[in-house]
PDB file of all heavy atoms in Angstrom:
ATOM      1  N   GLY A   1      -4.443  12.409   4.064  1.00  0.00           N
ATOM      2  CA  GLY A   1      -4.737  13.625   3.215  1.00  0.00           C
ATOM      3  C   GLY A   1      -3.910  13.647   1.988  1.00  0.00           C
ATOM      4  O   GLY A   1      -4.431  14.041   0.923  1.00  0.00           O
ATOM      5  N   THR A   2      -2.675  13.177   2.139  1.00  0.00           N
ATOM      6  CA  THR A   2      -1.761  13.410   0.934  1.00  0.00           C
ATOM      7  C   THR A   2      -0.992  12.174   0.468  1.00  0.00           C
ATOM      8  O   THR A   2      -1.135  11.578  -0.647  1.00  0.00           O
ATOM      9  CB  THR A   2      -0.668  14.421   1.301  1.00  0.00           C
ATOM     10  OG1 THR A   2      -1.266  15.586   1.569  1.00  0.00           O
ATOM     11  CG2 THR A   2       0.316  14.638   0.068  1.00  0.00           C
ATOM     12  N   ALA A   3      -0.405  11.479   1.406  1.00  0.00           N
ATOM     13  CA  ALA A   3       0.547  10.418   1.070  1.00  0.00           C
ATOM     14  C   ALA A   3      -0.152   9.174   0.411  1.00  0.00           C
ATOM     15  O   ALA A   3       0.193   8.833  -0.751  1.00  0.00           O
ATOM     16  CB  ALA A   3       1.421   9.875   2.354  1.00  0.00           C
ATOM     17  N   LEU A   4      -1.207   8.671   1.048  1.00  0.00           N
ATOM     18  CA  LEU A   4      -1.914   7.458   0.491  1.00  0.00           C
ATOM     19  C   LEU A   4      -2.636   7.856  -0.787  1.00  0.00           C
ATOM     20  O   LEU A   4      -2.562   7.216  -1.763  1.00  0.00           O
ATOM     21  CB  LEU A   4      -2.761   6.935   1.563  1.00  0.00           C
ATOM     22  CG  LEU A   4      -3.439   5.525   1.030  1.00  0.00           C
ATOM     23  CD1 LEU A   4      -2.352   4.548   0.733  1.00  0.00           C
ATOM     24  CD2 LEU A   4      -4.316   4.943   2.300  1.00  0.00           C
ATOM     25  N   PRO A   5      -3.368   9.112  -0.873  1.00  0.00           N
ATOM     26  CA  PRO A   5      -4.101   9.485  -2.108  1.00  0.00           C
ATOM     27  C   PRO A   5      -3.100   9.602  -3.349  1.00  0.00           C
ATOM     28  O   PRO A   5      -3.395   9.093  -4.396  1.00  0.00           O
ATOM     29  CB  PRO A   5      -4.840  10.675  -1.727  1.00  0.00           C
ATOM     30  CG  PRO A   5      -4.967  10.554  -0.285  1.00  0.00           C
ATOM     31  CD  PRO A   5      -3.784   9.927   0.258  1.00  0.00           C
ATOM     32  N   ARG A   6      -1.935  10.197  -3.047  1.00  0.00           N
ATOM     33  CA  ARG A   6      -1.012  10.442  -4.016  1.00  0.00           C
ATOM     34  C   ARG A   6      -0.446   9.205  -4.572  1.00  0.00           C
ATOM     35  O   ARG A   6      -0.192   8.918  -5.686  1.00  0.00           O
ATOM     36  CB  ARG A   6       0.156  11.449  -3.749  1.00  0.00           C
ATOM     37  CG  ARG A   6      -0.342  12.850  -3.298  1.00  0.00           C
ATOM     38  CD  ARG A   6      -0.924  13.618  -4.506  1.00  0.00           C
ATOM     39  NE  ARG A   6       0.260  13.898  -5.464  1.00  0.00           N
ATOM     40  CZ  ARG A   6       0.833  15.068  -5.440  1.00  0.00           C
ATOM     41  NH1 ARG A   6       0.456  16.012  -4.604  1.00  0.00           N
ATOM     42  NH2 ARG A   6       1.846  15.409  -6.279  1.00  0.00           N
ATOM     43  N   LEU A   7      -0.118   8.309  -3.628  1.00  0.00           N
ATOM     44  CA  LEU A   7       0.383   6.910  -4.011  1.00  0.00           C
ATOM     45  C   LEU A   7      -0.663   6.137  -4.780  1.00  0.00           C
ATOM     46  O   LEU A   7      -0.339   5.545  -5.861  1.00  0.00           O
ATOM     47  CB  LEU A   7       0.742   6.155  -2.791  1.00  0.00           C
ATOM     48  CG  LEU A   7       1.278   4.722  -2.944  1.00  0.00           C
ATOM     49  CD1 LEU A   7       2.552   4.755  -3.820  1.00  0.00           C
ATOM     50  CD2 LEU A   7       1.512   3.934  -1.703  1.00  0.00           C
ATOM     51  N   GLN A   8      -1.954   6.159  -4.327  1.00  0.00           N
ATOM     52  CA  GLN A   8      -3.010   5.491  -5.061  1.00  0.00           C
ATOM     53  C   GLN A   8      -3.108   6.055  -6.459  1.00  0.00           C
ATOM     54  O   GLN A   8      -3.332   5.211  -7.471  1.00  0.00           O
ATOM     55  CB  GLN A   8      -4.321   5.598  -4.322  1.00  0.00           C
ATOM     56  CG  GLN A   8      -4.456   4.829  -3.093  1.00  0.00           C
ATOM     57  CD  GLN A   8      -5.578   5.083  -2.225  1.00  0.00           C
ATOM     58  OE1 GLN A   8      -5.943   6.427  -2.252  1.00  0.00           O
ATOM     59  NE2 GLN A   8      -6.118   4.259  -1.575  1.00  0.00           N
ATOM     60  N   ALA A   9      -2.991   7.250  -6.674  1.00  0.00           N
ATOM     61  CA  ALA A   9      -3.064   7.978  -7.948  1.00  0.00           C
ATOM     62  C   ALA A   9      -1.920   7.531  -8.853  1.00  0.00           C
ATOM     63  O   ALA A   9      -2.203   7.223 -10.010  1.00  0.00           O
ATOM     64  CB  ALA A   9      -3.123   9.537  -7.823  1.00  0.00           C
ATOM     65  N   GLY A  10      -0.827   7.480  -8.321  1.00  0.00           N
ATOM     66  CA  GLY A  10       0.236   6.935  -9.096  1.00  0.00           C
ATOM     67  C   GLY A  10       0.232   5.528  -9.512  1.00  0.00           C
ATOM     68  O   GLY A  10       0.663   5.175 -10.612  1.00  0.00           O
ATOM     69  N   LEU A  11      -0.288   4.696  -8.631  1.00  0.00           N
ATOM     70  CA  LEU A  11      -0.518   3.315  -8.895  1.00  0.00           C
ATOM     71  C   LEU A  11      -1.513   3.023  -9.991  1.00  0.00           C
ATOM     72  O   LEU A  11      -1.490   2.077 -10.759  1.00  0.00           O
ATOM     73  CB  LEU A  11      -0.871   2.410  -7.678  1.00  0.00           C
ATOM     74  CG  LEU A  11       0.260   2.358  -6.599  1.00  0.00           C
ATOM     75  CD1 LEU A  11      -0.273   1.783  -5.362  1.00  0.00           C
ATOM     76  CD2 LEU A  11       1.453   1.705  -7.056  1.00  0.00           C
ATOM     77  N   GLN A  12      -2.449   3.978 -10.091  1.00  0.00           N
ATOM     78  CA  GLN A  12      -3.598   3.763 -11.079  1.00  0.00           C
ATOM     79  C   GLN A  12      -3.202   4.611 -12.327  1.00  0.00           C
ATOM     80  O   GLN A  12      -3.968   4.477 -13.326  1.00  0.00           O
ATOM     81  CB  GLN A  12      -4.901   4.385 -10.488  1.00  0.00           C
ATOM     82  CG  GLN A  12      -5.381   3.526  -9.431  1.00  0.00           C
ATOM     83  CD  GLN A  12      -6.766   4.110  -8.943  1.00  0.00           C
ATOM     84  OE1 GLN A  12      -6.883   5.302  -8.609  1.00  0.00           O
ATOM     85  NE2 GLN A  12      -7.688   3.243  -8.555  1.00  0.00           N
ATOM     86  N   ALA A  13      -2.029   5.273 -12.420  1.00  0.00           N
ATOM     87  CA  ALA A  13      -1.583   5.887 -13.672  1.00  0.00           C
ATOM     88  C   ALA A  13      -0.792   4.831 -14.478  1.00  0.00           C
ATOM     89  O   ALA A  13      -0.877   3.724 -14.262  1.00  0.00           O
ATOM     90  CB  ALA A  13      -0.662   7.004 -13.210  1.00  0.00           C
ATOM     91  N   ASP A  14      -0.335   5.305 -15.586  1.00  0.00           N
ATOM     92  CA  ASP A  14       0.393   4.405 -16.478  1.00  0.00           C
ATOM     93  C   ASP A  14       1.696   4.013 -15.943  1.00  0.00           C
ATOM     94  O   ASP A  14       2.774   4.514 -16.243  1.00  0.00           O
ATOM     95  CB  ASP A  14       0.609   5.266 -17.970  1.00  0.00           C
ATOM     96  CG  ASP A  14       1.110   4.404 -18.990  1.00  0.00           C
ATOM     97  OD1 ASP A  14       1.000   3.183 -18.802  1.00  0.00           O
ATOM     98  OD2 ASP A  14       1.756   4.947 -19.987  1.00  0.00           O
ATOM     99  N   ARG A  15       1.574   2.912 -15.115  1.00  0.00           N
ATOM    100  CA  ARG A  15       2.800   2.417 -14.481  1.00  0.00           C
ATOM    101  C   ARG A  15       2.977   0.933 -14.868  1.00  0.00           C
ATOM    102  O   ARG A  15       2.102   0.260 -15.034  1.00  0.00           O
ATOM    103  CB  ARG A  15       2.679   2.613 -12.950  1.00  0.00           C
ATOM    104  CG  ARG A  15       3.847   2.249 -12.063  1.00  0.00           C
ATOM    105  CD  ARG A  15       3.358   2.157 -10.560  1.00  0.00           C
ATOM    106  NE  ARG A  15       4.555   1.672  -9.790  1.00  0.00           N
ATOM    107  CZ  ARG A  15       5.532   2.475  -9.151  1.00  0.00           C
ATOM    108  NH1 ARG A  15       5.498   3.669  -9.466  1.00  0.00           N
ATOM    109  NH2 ARG A  15       6.457   1.853  -8.579  1.00  0.00           N
ATOM    110  N   ALA A  16       4.171   0.587 -14.917  1.00  0.00           N
ATOM    111  CA  ALA A  16       4.435  -0.848 -15.330  1.00  0.00           C
ATOM    112  C   ALA A  16       3.939  -1.783 -14.225  1.00  0.00           C
ATOM    113  O   ALA A  16       3.918  -1.416 -12.981  1.00  0.00           O
ATOM    114  CB  ALA A  16       6.040  -0.940 -15.454  1.00  0.00           C
ATOM    115  N   ASP A  17       3.473  -2.924 -14.762  1.00  0.00           N
ATOM    116  CA  ASP A  17       3.087  -3.947 -13.727  1.00  0.00           C
ATOM    117  C   ASP A  17       4.243  -4.515 -12.825  1.00  0.00           C
ATOM    118  O   ASP A  17       5.341  -4.411 -13.179  1.00  0.00           O
ATOM    119  CB  ASP A  17       2.474  -5.082 -14.553  1.00  0.00           C
ATOM    120  CG  ASP A  17       1.192  -4.797 -15.414  1.00  0.00           C
ATOM    121  OD1 ASP A  17       0.482  -3.822 -14.940  1.00  0.00           O
ATOM    122  OD2 ASP A  17       1.119  -5.413 -16.349  1.00  0.00           O
ATOM    123  N   PHE A  18       3.854  -4.795 -11.672  1.00  0.00           N
ATOM    124  CA  PHE A  18       4.789  -5.175 -10.679  1.00  0.00           C
ATOM    125  C   PHE A  18       4.214  -6.071  -9.598  1.00  0.00           C
ATOM    126  O   PHE A  18       3.088  -6.359  -9.550  1.00  0.00           O
ATOM    127  CB  PHE A  18       5.403  -3.903 -10.014  1.00  0.00           C
ATOM    128  CG  PHE A  18       4.279  -3.230  -9.097  1.00  0.00           C
ATOM    129  CD1 PHE A  18       4.211  -3.600  -7.791  1.00  0.00           C
ATOM    130  CD2 PHE A  18       3.534  -2.251  -9.633  1.00  0.00           C
ATOM    131  CE1 PHE A  18       3.235  -3.047  -6.913  1.00  0.00           C
ATOM    132  CE2 PHE A  18       2.574  -1.587  -8.731  1.00  0.00           C
ATOM    133  CZ  PHE A  18       2.441  -2.042  -7.448  1.00  0.00           C
ATOM    134  N   THR A  19       5.119  -6.706  -8.789  1.00  0.00           N
ATOM    135  CA  THR A  19       4.719  -7.473  -7.729  1.00  0.00           C
ATOM    136  C   THR A  19       5.566  -7.082  -6.535  1.00  0.00           C
ATOM    137  O   THR A  19       6.673  -6.872  -6.554  1.00  0.00           O
ATOM    138  CB  THR A  19       5.131  -9.022  -7.933  1.00  0.00           C
ATOM    139  OG1 THR A  19       4.409  -9.495  -9.103  1.00  0.00           O
ATOM    140  CG2 THR A  19       4.805  -9.855  -6.721  1.00  0.00           C
ATOM    141  N   LEU A  20       4.792  -6.858  -5.350  1.00  0.00           N
ATOM    142  CA  LEU A  20       5.395  -6.362  -4.144  1.00  0.00           C
ATOM    143  C   LEU A  20       5.078  -7.379  -3.150  1.00  0.00           C
ATOM    144  O   LEU A  20       3.871  -7.896  -2.852  1.00  0.00           O
ATOM    145  CB  LEU A  20       4.827  -5.094  -3.565  1.00  0.00           C
ATOM    146  CG  LEU A  20       5.228  -4.602  -2.266  1.00  0.00           C
ATOM    147  CD1 LEU A  20       6.620  -4.383  -2.270  1.00  0.00           C
ATOM    148  CD2 LEU A  20       4.491  -3.308  -2.034  1.00  0.00           C
ATOM    149  N   VAL A  21       6.125  -8.060  -2.608  1.00  0.00           N
ATOM    150  CA  VAL A  21       6.039  -9.102  -1.499  1.00  0.00           C
ATOM    151  C   VAL A  21       6.220  -8.487  -0.143  1.00  0.00           C
ATOM    152  O   VAL A  21       7.399  -7.862   0.055  1.00  0.00           O
ATOM    153  CB  VAL A  21       6.952 -10.195  -1.806  1.00  0.00           C
ATOM    154  CG1 VAL A  21       6.794 -11.441  -0.753  1.00  0.00           C
ATOM    155  CG2 VAL A  21       6.768 -10.846  -3.242  1.00  0.00           C
ATOM    156  N   LEU A  22       5.285  -8.697   0.729  1.00  0.00           N
ATOM    157  CA  LEU A  22       5.494  -8.239   2.145  1.00  0.00           C
ATOM    158  C   LEU A  22       5.549  -9.549   3.002  1.00  0.00           C
ATOM    159  O   LEU A  22       4.405 -10.348   3.164  1.00  0.00           O
ATOM    160  CB  LEU A  22       4.318  -7.289   2.799  1.00  0.00           C
ATOM    161  CG  LEU A  22       4.151  -5.981   1.920  1.00  0.00           C
ATOM    162  CD1 LEU A  22       3.130  -5.316   2.630  1.00  0.00           C
ATOM    163  CD2 LEU A  22       5.480  -5.251   1.805  1.00  0.00           C
ATOM    164  N   ASP A  23       6.709  -9.860   3.593  1.00  0.00           N
ATOM    165  CA  ASP A  23       6.886 -11.051   4.362  1.00  0.00           C
ATOM    166  C   ASP A  23       6.608 -10.781   5.740  1.00  0.00           C
ATOM    167  O   ASP A  23       6.841  -9.650   6.322  1.00  0.00           O
ATOM    168  CB  ASP A  23       8.274 -11.644   4.096  1.00  0.00           C
ATOM    169  CG  ASP A  23       8.380 -13.032   4.472  1.00  0.00           C
ATOM    170  OD1 ASP A  23       7.433 -13.665   4.948  1.00  0.00           O
ATOM    171  OD2 ASP A  23       9.466 -13.570   4.548  1.00  0.00           O
ATOM    172  N   ASP A  24       6.218 -11.808   6.560  1.00  0.00           N
ATOM    173  CA  ASP A  24       5.998 -11.694   8.084  1.00  0.00           C
ATOM    174  C   ASP A  24       5.001 -10.665   8.389  1.00  0.00           C
ATOM    175  O   ASP A  24       5.089  -9.792   9.338  1.00  0.00           O
ATOM    176  CB  ASP A  24       7.367 -11.289   8.774  1.00  0.00           C
ATOM    177  CG  ASP A  24       8.322 -12.515   8.734  1.00  0.00           C
ATOM    178  OD1 ASP A  24       7.765 -13.621   8.489  1.00  0.00           O
ATOM    179  OD2 ASP A  24       9.490 -12.373   9.108  1.00  0.00           O
ATOM    180  N   VAL A  25       3.850 -10.653   7.689  1.00  0.00           N
ATOM    181  CA  VAL A  25       2.829  -9.593   7.931  1.00  0.00           C
ATOM    182  C   VAL A  25       2.178  -9.953   9.364  1.00  0.00           C
ATOM    183  O   VAL A  25       1.585  -8.859   9.893  1.00  0.00           O
ATOM    184  CB  VAL A  25       1.773  -9.730   6.832  1.00  0.00           C
ATOM    185  CG1 VAL A  25       0.604  -8.770   7.023  1.00  0.00           C
ATOM    186  CG2 VAL A  25       2.366  -9.369   5.519  1.00  0.00           C
ATOM    187  N   HIS A  26       2.376 -10.941   9.945  1.00  0.00           N
ATOM    188  CA  HIS A  26       1.869 -11.161  11.266  1.00  0.00           C
ATOM    189  C   HIS A  26       2.494 -10.311  12.275  1.00  0.00           C
ATOM    190  O   HIS A  26       2.128 -10.166  13.390  1.00  0.00           O
ATOM    191  CB  HIS A  26       2.107 -12.745  11.535  1.00  0.00           C
ATOM    192  CG  HIS A  26       3.366 -13.238  11.439  1.00  0.00           C
ATOM    193  ND1 HIS A  26       3.793 -13.847  10.214  1.00  0.00           N
ATOM    194  CD2 HIS A  26       4.464 -13.168  12.160  1.00  0.00           C
ATOM    195  CE1 HIS A  26       5.114 -14.134  10.418  1.00  0.00           C
ATOM    196  NE2 HIS A  26       5.556 -13.751  11.583  1.00  0.00           N
ATOM    197  N   SER A  27       3.535  -9.632  11.795  1.00  0.00           N
ATOM    198  CA  SER A  27       4.161  -8.691  12.789  1.00  0.00           C
ATOM    199  C   SER A  27       3.395  -7.472  12.980  1.00  0.00           C
ATOM    200  O   SER A  27       3.715  -6.693  13.982  1.00  0.00           O
ATOM    201  CB  SER A  27       5.683  -8.248  12.251  1.00  0.00           C
ATOM    202  OG  SER A  27       6.371  -9.452  12.106  1.00  0.00           O
ATOM    203  N   LEU A  28       2.362  -7.258  12.067  1.00  0.00           N
ATOM    204  CA  LEU A  28       1.619  -5.938  12.267  1.00  0.00           C
ATOM    205  C   LEU A  28       0.411  -6.296  13.078  1.00  0.00           C
ATOM    206  O   LEU A  28      -0.181  -7.322  13.077  1.00  0.00           O
ATOM    207  CB  LEU A  28       1.033  -5.531  10.893  1.00  0.00           C
ATOM    208  CG  LEU A  28       2.054  -5.295   9.865  1.00  0.00           C
ATOM    209  CD1 LEU A  28       1.436  -4.806   8.526  1.00  0.00           C
ATOM    210  CD2 LEU A  28       3.191  -4.183  10.232  1.00  0.00           C
ATOM    211  N   ALA A  29      -0.002  -5.350  13.923  1.00  0.00           N
ATOM    212  CA  ALA A  29      -1.238  -5.393  14.842  1.00  0.00           C
ATOM    213  C   ALA A  29      -2.130  -4.258  14.677  1.00  0.00           C
ATOM    214  O   ALA A  29      -3.318  -4.342  14.942  1.00  0.00           O
ATOM    215  CB  ALA A  29      -0.719  -5.533  16.297  1.00  0.00           C
ATOM    216  N   GLU A  30      -1.566  -2.990  14.402  1.00  0.00           N
ATOM    217  CA  GLU A  30      -2.364  -1.717  14.444  1.00  0.00           C
ATOM    218  C   GLU A  30      -3.254  -1.803  13.172  1.00  0.00           C
ATOM    219  O   GLU A  30      -2.919  -2.092  12.032  1.00  0.00           O
ATOM    220  CB  GLU A  30      -1.345  -0.508  14.172  1.00  0.00           C
ATOM    221  CG  GLU A  30      -0.481  -0.198  15.408  1.00  0.00           C
ATOM    222  CD  GLU A  30      -1.400   0.288  16.523  1.00  0.00           C
ATOM    223  OE1 GLU A  30      -2.491   0.925  16.305  1.00  0.00           O
ATOM    224  OE2 GLU A  30      -0.796   0.205  17.685  1.00  0.00           O
ATOM    225  N   ASP A  31      -4.582  -1.433  13.556  1.00  0.00           N
ATOM    226  CA  ASP A  31      -5.551  -1.384  12.430  1.00  0.00           C
ATOM    227  C   ASP A  31      -5.249  -0.427  11.261  1.00  0.00           C
ATOM    228  O   ASP A  31      -5.532  -0.621  10.179  1.00  0.00           O
ATOM    229  CB  ASP A  31      -6.983  -0.991  13.005  1.00  0.00           C
ATOM    230  CG  ASP A  31      -7.520  -2.085  14.027  1.00  0.00           C
ATOM    231  OD1 ASP A  31      -7.120  -3.192  13.753  1.00  0.00           O
ATOM    232  OD2 ASP A  31      -8.395  -1.736  14.780  1.00  0.00           O
ATOM    233  N   ALA A  32      -4.536   0.699  11.854  1.00  0.00           N
ATOM    234  CA  ALA A  32      -4.141   1.640  10.799  1.00  0.00           C
ATOM    235  C   ALA A  32      -3.125   1.053   9.731  1.00  0.00           C
ATOM    236  O   ALA A  32      -3.209   1.552   8.583  1.00  0.00           O
ATOM    237  CB  ALA A  32      -3.523   2.861  11.517  1.00  0.00           C
ATOM    238  N   CYS A  33      -2.364   0.244  10.143  1.00  0.00           N
ATOM    239  CA  CYS A  33      -1.422  -0.421   9.222  1.00  0.00           C
ATOM    240  C   CYS A  33      -2.215  -1.256   8.117  1.00  0.00           C
ATOM    241  O   CYS A  33      -1.834  -1.176   6.968  1.00  0.00           O
ATOM    242  CB  CYS A  33      -0.504  -1.313   9.896  1.00  0.00           C
ATOM    243  SG  CYS A  33       0.740  -0.455  10.875  1.00  0.00           S
ATOM    244  N   PHE A  34      -3.269  -1.931   8.541  1.00  0.00           N
ATOM    245  CA  PHE A  34      -3.992  -2.713   7.635  1.00  0.00           C
ATOM    246  C   PHE A  34      -4.910  -1.731   6.705  1.00  0.00           C
ATOM    247  O   PHE A  34      -5.167  -2.226   5.622  1.00  0.00           O
ATOM    248  CB  PHE A  34      -4.882  -3.756   8.428  1.00  0.00           C
ATOM    249  CG  PHE A  34      -4.014  -4.891   9.011  1.00  0.00           C
ATOM    250  CD1 PHE A  34      -3.931  -4.878  10.435  1.00  0.00           C
ATOM    251  CD2 PHE A  34      -3.423  -5.738   8.263  1.00  0.00           C
ATOM    252  CE1 PHE A  34      -3.093  -5.717  11.126  1.00  0.00           C
ATOM    253  CE2 PHE A  34      -2.646  -6.765   8.935  1.00  0.00           C
ATOM    254  CZ  PHE A  34      -2.485  -6.785  10.319  1.00  0.00           C
ATOM    255  N   GLU A  35      -5.301  -0.625   7.289  1.00  0.00           N
ATOM    256  CA  GLU A  35      -6.001   0.236   6.462  1.00  0.00           C
ATOM    257  C   GLU A  35      -5.195   0.750   5.321  1.00  0.00           C
ATOM    258  O   GLU A  35      -5.444   0.974   4.140  1.00  0.00           O
ATOM    259  CB  GLU A  35      -6.470   1.467   7.335  1.00  0.00           C
ATOM    260  CG  GLU A  35      -7.646   1.006   8.278  1.00  0.00           C
ATOM    261  CD  GLU A  35      -7.992   2.181   9.128  1.00  0.00           C
ATOM    262  OE1 GLU A  35      -7.373   3.415   8.980  1.00  0.00           O
ATOM    263  OE2 GLU A  35      -8.790   1.938  10.148  1.00  0.00           O
ATOM    264  N   VAL A  36      -3.738   1.065   5.568  1.00  0.00           N
ATOM    265  CA  VAL A  36      -2.926   1.373   4.544  1.00  0.00           C
ATOM    266  C   VAL A  36      -2.787   0.339   3.571  1.00  0.00           C
ATOM    267  O   VAL A  36      -2.838   0.645   2.278  1.00  0.00           O
ATOM    268  CB  VAL A  36      -1.508   1.653   5.283  1.00  0.00           C
ATOM    269  CG1 VAL A  36      -0.373   1.707   4.087  1.00  0.00           C
ATOM    270  CG2 VAL A  36      -1.579   2.971   6.093  1.00  0.00           C
ATOM    271  N   LEU A  37      -2.543  -0.947   3.900  1.00  0.00           N
ATOM    272  CA  LEU A  37      -2.531  -2.130   2.896  1.00  0.00           C
ATOM    273  C   LEU A  37      -3.765  -2.190   2.134  1.00  0.00           C
ATOM    274  O   LEU A  37      -3.646  -2.444   0.987  1.00  0.00           O
ATOM    275  CB  LEU A  37      -2.161  -3.452   3.717  1.00  0.00           C
ATOM    276  CG  LEU A  37      -0.853  -3.461   4.463  1.00  0.00           C
ATOM    277  CD1 LEU A  37      -0.693  -4.830   5.128  1.00  0.00           C
ATOM    278  CD2 LEU A  37       0.336  -3.287   3.619  1.00  0.00           C
ATOM    279  N   GLY A  38      -4.861  -2.150   2.883  1.00  0.00           N
ATOM    280  CA  GLY A  38      -6.212  -2.154   2.129  1.00  0.00           C
ATOM    281  C   GLY A  38      -6.327  -1.052   1.079  1.00  0.00           C
ATOM    282  O   GLY A  38      -6.823  -1.318  -0.055  1.00  0.00           O
TER     283      GLY A  38
END
């Protein structure tokens, strides 16, 4: 309802380009976690 939509809005605003590295992603199993990443 709030956290992901507000983060998405911020990422689509006038924000500097960046790279985010997530290592050991095989540690995740919950579908909800992959929905967040998606």
